[in-house]
Amino acid sequence: MKEHPRRRGRPPGGQSSRGGILAAARAEFEEQGYNNATVRAIARRANVDPAMIHHYFGTKENLFLAAMDISVSPDELVESLAGGPREELGERAVRTFLRFWGDPRTRGPLLGLLRSAMTNEMAALLLRQFLARVVLSRVLVVFEDVPDGRLRAEALAAQLVGIGILRFVVKLEPIASASDEELIALVGPVVQGYLPEP
């Protein structure tokens, strides 16, 4: 089937075109990872000329960074973790993590970031920065004055990221189809074990 020619250069209604490109890029990076996603495939998905992507973002790397902007509110994260008894913090951490994964606004970028980080150093760096700045910087408050606090916090993060990979990327059964409550009951006490005694 013959494709319709796409208009080159800067289009009218630039913001909607830019938004469409970002949405297409998120979907492509989520499905293919950074290395396998191409500017041409993203342009086809967004129904724009590849030149328009270069106009707005310059490079595939810049497009990836813009598309993987994960909207996680640090204040909401802290509130979710801090809002309850300390002995239930492990369960709240798992619940909060699964809630963020369940939100389409964050799930797509997180999937794209995880898939890409497996094969691309730039994506791995972005994932490290996200974990350090958004997640660990908040979790470390719980581990103040604990000699191995950083190690405990990173082990806790590894536990949760591992769940995300098996559940949403690898889709390993039965963890992929287990309910959130089943996982919270199973993994919450394990995560609680990383926390220092009050």
Protein backbone atom coordinates (compact mmCIF):
# COMPACT_ATOMS: atom_id res chain seq x y z
CA MET A 1 0.00 0.00 0.00
CA LYS A 2 1.34 3.40 -0.99
CA GLU A 3 2.17 5.66 1.94
CA HIS A 4 1.03 9.26 1.94
CA PRO A 5 3.95 11.67 1.76
CA ARG A 6 4.67 13.44 5.02
CA ARG A 7 5.18 17.14 5.18
CA ARG A 8 8.75 18.11 5.96
CA GLY A 9 9.90 20.86 8.26
CA ARG A 10 8.14 22.42 11.19
CA PRO A 11 4.40 21.73 11.12
CA PRO A 12 1.56 23.91 12.29
CA GLY A 13 0.33 23.01 15.77
CA GLY A 14 3.84 22.14 16.90
CA GLN A 15 3.03 21.20 20.48
CA SER A 16 0.51 18.54 19.45
CA SER A 17 3.03 17.11 16.96
CA ARG A 18 5.73 17.13 19.63
CA GLY A 19 3.37 15.38 22.05
CA GLY A 20 2.52 12.79 19.42
CA ILE A 21 6.19 12.10 18.79
CA LEU A 22 6.84 11.65 22.52
CA ALA A 23 3.88 9.28 22.88
CA ALA A 24 5.08 7.25 19.88
CA ALA A 25 8.65 7.23 21.22
CA ARG A 26 7.51 5.99 24.65
CA ALA A 27 5.59 3.15 23.01
CA GLU A 28 8.48 2.23 20.71
CA PHE A 29 11.12 2.34 23.47
CA GLU A 30 8.79 0.37 25.75
CA GLU A 31 8.34 -2.38 23.15
CA GLN A 32 11.77 -2.43 21.51
CA GLY A 33 14.24 -0.96 23.99
CA TYR A 34 16.70 1.80 23.09
CA ASN A 35 18.97 -0.11 20.72
CA ASN A 36 16.20 -1.60 18.56
CA ALA A 37 13.94 1.44 18.44
CA THR A 38 14.63 3.60 15.38
CA VAL A 39 13.78 7.18 14.55
CA ARG A 40 12.06 5.98 11.36
CA ALA A 41 9.85 3.54 13.29
CA ILE A 42 8.94 6.26 15.80
CA ALA A 43 8.16 8.66 12.93
CA ARG A 44 5.89 6.05 11.30
CA ARG A 45 4.09 5.47 14.57
CA ALA A 46 3.63 9.22 15.08
CA ASN A 47 2.71 9.72 11.39
CA VAL A 48 5.36 12.38 10.89
CA ASP A 49 8.47 12.74 8.78
CA PRO A 50 11.70 11.67 10.54
CA ALA A 51 13.02 15.18 9.87
CA MET A 52 10.42 16.51 12.30
CA ILE A 53 11.87 14.36 15.08
CA HIS A 54 15.33 15.74 14.34
CA HIS A 55 13.85 19.25 14.33
CA TYR A 56 12.32 18.90 17.80
CA PHE A 57 14.86 16.64 19.52
CA GLY A 58 18.04 16.59 17.45
CA THR A 59 19.15 13.04 18.24
CA LYS A 60 17.64 9.71 19.21
CA GLU A 61 19.38 10.06 22.59
CA ASN A 62 17.68 13.41 23.27
CA LEU A 63 14.34 11.93 22.21
CA PHE A 64 14.86 9.01 24.59
CA LEU A 65 15.64 11.33 27.50
CA ALA A 66 12.53 13.41 26.79
CA ALA A 67 10.30 10.37 26.33
CA MET A 68 11.54 8.64 29.48
CA ASP A 69 10.64 11.58 31.72
CA ILE A 70 9.07 9.54 34.52
CA SER A 71 6.52 11.61 36.40
CA VAL A 72 6.89 10.32 39.94
CA SER A 73 6.19 12.83 42.67
CA PRO A 74 8.85 12.55 45.39
CA ASP A 75 6.45 14.08 47.92
CA GLU A 76 3.80 11.49 47.07
CA LEU A 77 6.40 8.76 47.41
CA VAL A 78 7.49 9.98 50.85
CA GLU A 79 3.87 10.37 51.98
CA SER A 80 3.05 6.82 50.87
CA LEU A 81 6.01 5.39 52.75
CA ALA A 82 5.72 7.50 55.87
CA GLY A 83 1.94 7.36 56.31
CA GLY A 84 1.56 4.47 58.74
CA PRO A 85 3.16 2.26 61.40
CA ARG A 86 6.84 1.43 60.96
CA GLU A 87 6.17 -2.30 61.24
CA GLU A 88 4.02 -2.08 58.07
CA LEU A 89 6.57 -0.07 56.06
CA GLY A 90 7.62 -3.10 53.97
CA GLU A 91 4.04 -3.71 52.85
CA ARG A 92 3.55 0.00 52.10
CA ALA A 93 6.74 0.07 50.01
CA VAL A 94 5.56 -2.85 47.88
CA ARG A 95 2.05 -1.37 47.57
CA THR A 96 3.45 2.01 46.53
CA PHE A 97 5.77 0.41 43.97
CA LEU A 98 2.97 -1.65 42.44
CA ARG A 99 0.69 1.40 42.35
CA PHE A 100 3.26 3.34 40.33
CA TRP A 101 3.64 0.36 37.98
CA GLY A 102 -0.14 0.19 37.63
CA ASP A 103 -0.39 3.82 36.51
CA PRO A 104 -0.15 4.03 32.68
CA ARG A 105 1.58 7.43 32.97
CA THR A 106 4.56 5.86 34.72
CA ARG A 107 4.40 2.23 33.59
CA GLY A 108 5.27 2.89 29.92
CA PRO A 109 8.36 4.99 30.63
CA LEU A 110 9.49 2.57 33.36
CA LEU A 111 9.16 -0.40 31.01
CA GLY A 112 11.05 1.43 28.30
CA LEU A 113 13.75 2.39 30.75
CA LEU A 114 14.12 -1.13 32.15
CA ARG A 115 14.23 -2.78 28.71
CA SER A 116 16.70 -0.24 27.41
CA ALA A 117 18.94 -0.39 30.49
CA MET A 118 19.62 -4.08 29.80
CA THR A 119 21.47 -3.31 26.57
CA ASN A 120 22.40 0.37 26.56
CA GLU A 121 24.77 2.17 28.93
CA MET A 122 23.08 5.55 28.49
CA ALA A 123 19.74 4.03 29.46
CA ALA A 124 21.39 2.24 32.39
CA LEU A 125 22.81 5.59 33.54
CA LEU A 126 19.37 7.17 33.30
CA LEU A 127 17.89 4.32 35.37
CA ARG A 128 20.64 4.70 37.99
CA GLN A 129 19.94 8.44 38.20
CA PHE A 130 16.21 7.82 38.55
CA LEU A 131 16.74 5.26 41.32
CA ALA A 132 19.29 7.44 43.13
CA ARG A 133 17.47 10.79 42.88
CA VAL A 134 13.82 9.78 43.11
CA VAL A 135 13.74 6.48 44.99
CA LEU A 136 16.86 5.98 47.12
CA SER A 137 17.16 9.62 48.20
CA ARG A 138 13.74 9.23 49.87
CA VAL A 139 14.17 5.70 51.18
CA LEU A 140 17.54 6.54 52.78
CA VAL A 141 15.75 8.72 55.34
CA VAL A 142 14.56 5.48 56.98
CA PHE A 143 18.14 4.25 57.23
CA GLU A 144 19.69 7.27 58.93
CA ASP A 145 22.39 6.38 61.47
CA VAL A 146 22.50 2.77 60.22
CA PRO A 147 26.10 1.76 59.30
CA ASP A 148 25.04 -0.32 56.29
CA GLY A 149 22.03 1.88 55.49
CA ARG A 150 22.95 2.53 51.87
CA LEU A 151 23.44 -1.18 51.19
CA ARG A 152 20.12 -2.01 52.84
CA ALA A 153 18.33 0.68 50.81
CA GLU A 154 19.83 -0.58 47.54
CA ALA A 155 18.95 -4.20 48.40
CA LEU A 156 15.38 -3.07 49.03
CA ALA A 157 15.33 -1.25 45.68
CA ALA A 158 16.77 -4.34 43.95
CA GLN A 159 13.98 -6.45 45.40
CA LEU A 160 11.31 -4.11 44.02
CA VAL A 161 12.96 -3.56 40.62
CA GLY A 162 13.38 -7.34 40.30
CA ILE A 163 9.66 -7.78 40.83
CA GLY A 164 9.01 -5.15 38.17
CA ILE A 165 11.25 -6.95 35.66
CA LEU A 166 9.72 -10.40 36.24
CA ARG A 167 6.13 -9.14 36.42
CA PHE A 168 6.06 -6.54 33.64
CA VAL A 169 9.03 -7.20 31.31
CA VAL A 170 9.64 -10.98 31.40
CA LYS A 171 5.98 -11.65 32.39
CA LEU A 172 6.97 -14.79 34.25
CA GLU A 173 4.04 -16.77 35.59
CA PRO A 174 2.59 -16.89 38.15
CA ILE A 175 4.11 -13.58 39.33
CA ALA A 176 2.83 -11.80 36.19
CA SER A 177 -0.82 -12.57 36.89
CA ALA A 178 -0.74 -12.57 40.70
CA SER A 179 -2.83 -9.86 42.32
CA ASP A 180 -1.18 -6.88 43.96
CA GLU A 181 -2.47 -8.05 47.34
CA GLU A 182 -0.88 -11.50 46.89
CA LEU A 183 2.48 -9.90 46.13
CA ILE A 184 2.17 -7.41 48.98
CA ALA A 185 1.47 -10.24 51.45
CA LEU A 186 4.37 -12.30 50.09
CA VAL A 187 7.05 -9.67 49.51
CA GLY A 188 6.10 -7.07 52.16
CA PRO A 189 7.66 -9.04 55.05
CA VAL A 190 10.83 -9.61 52.98
CA VAL A 191 11.18 -5.89 52.33
CA GLN A 192 10.47 -5.22 56.01
CA GLY A 193 13.48 -7.41 56.82
CA TYR A 194 15.78 -4.89 55.13
CA LEU A 195 14.66 -2.17 57.54
CA PRO A 196 16.57 -1.47 60.74
CA GLU A 197 14.88 -2.18 64.04
CA PRO A 198 13.28 0.94 65.60
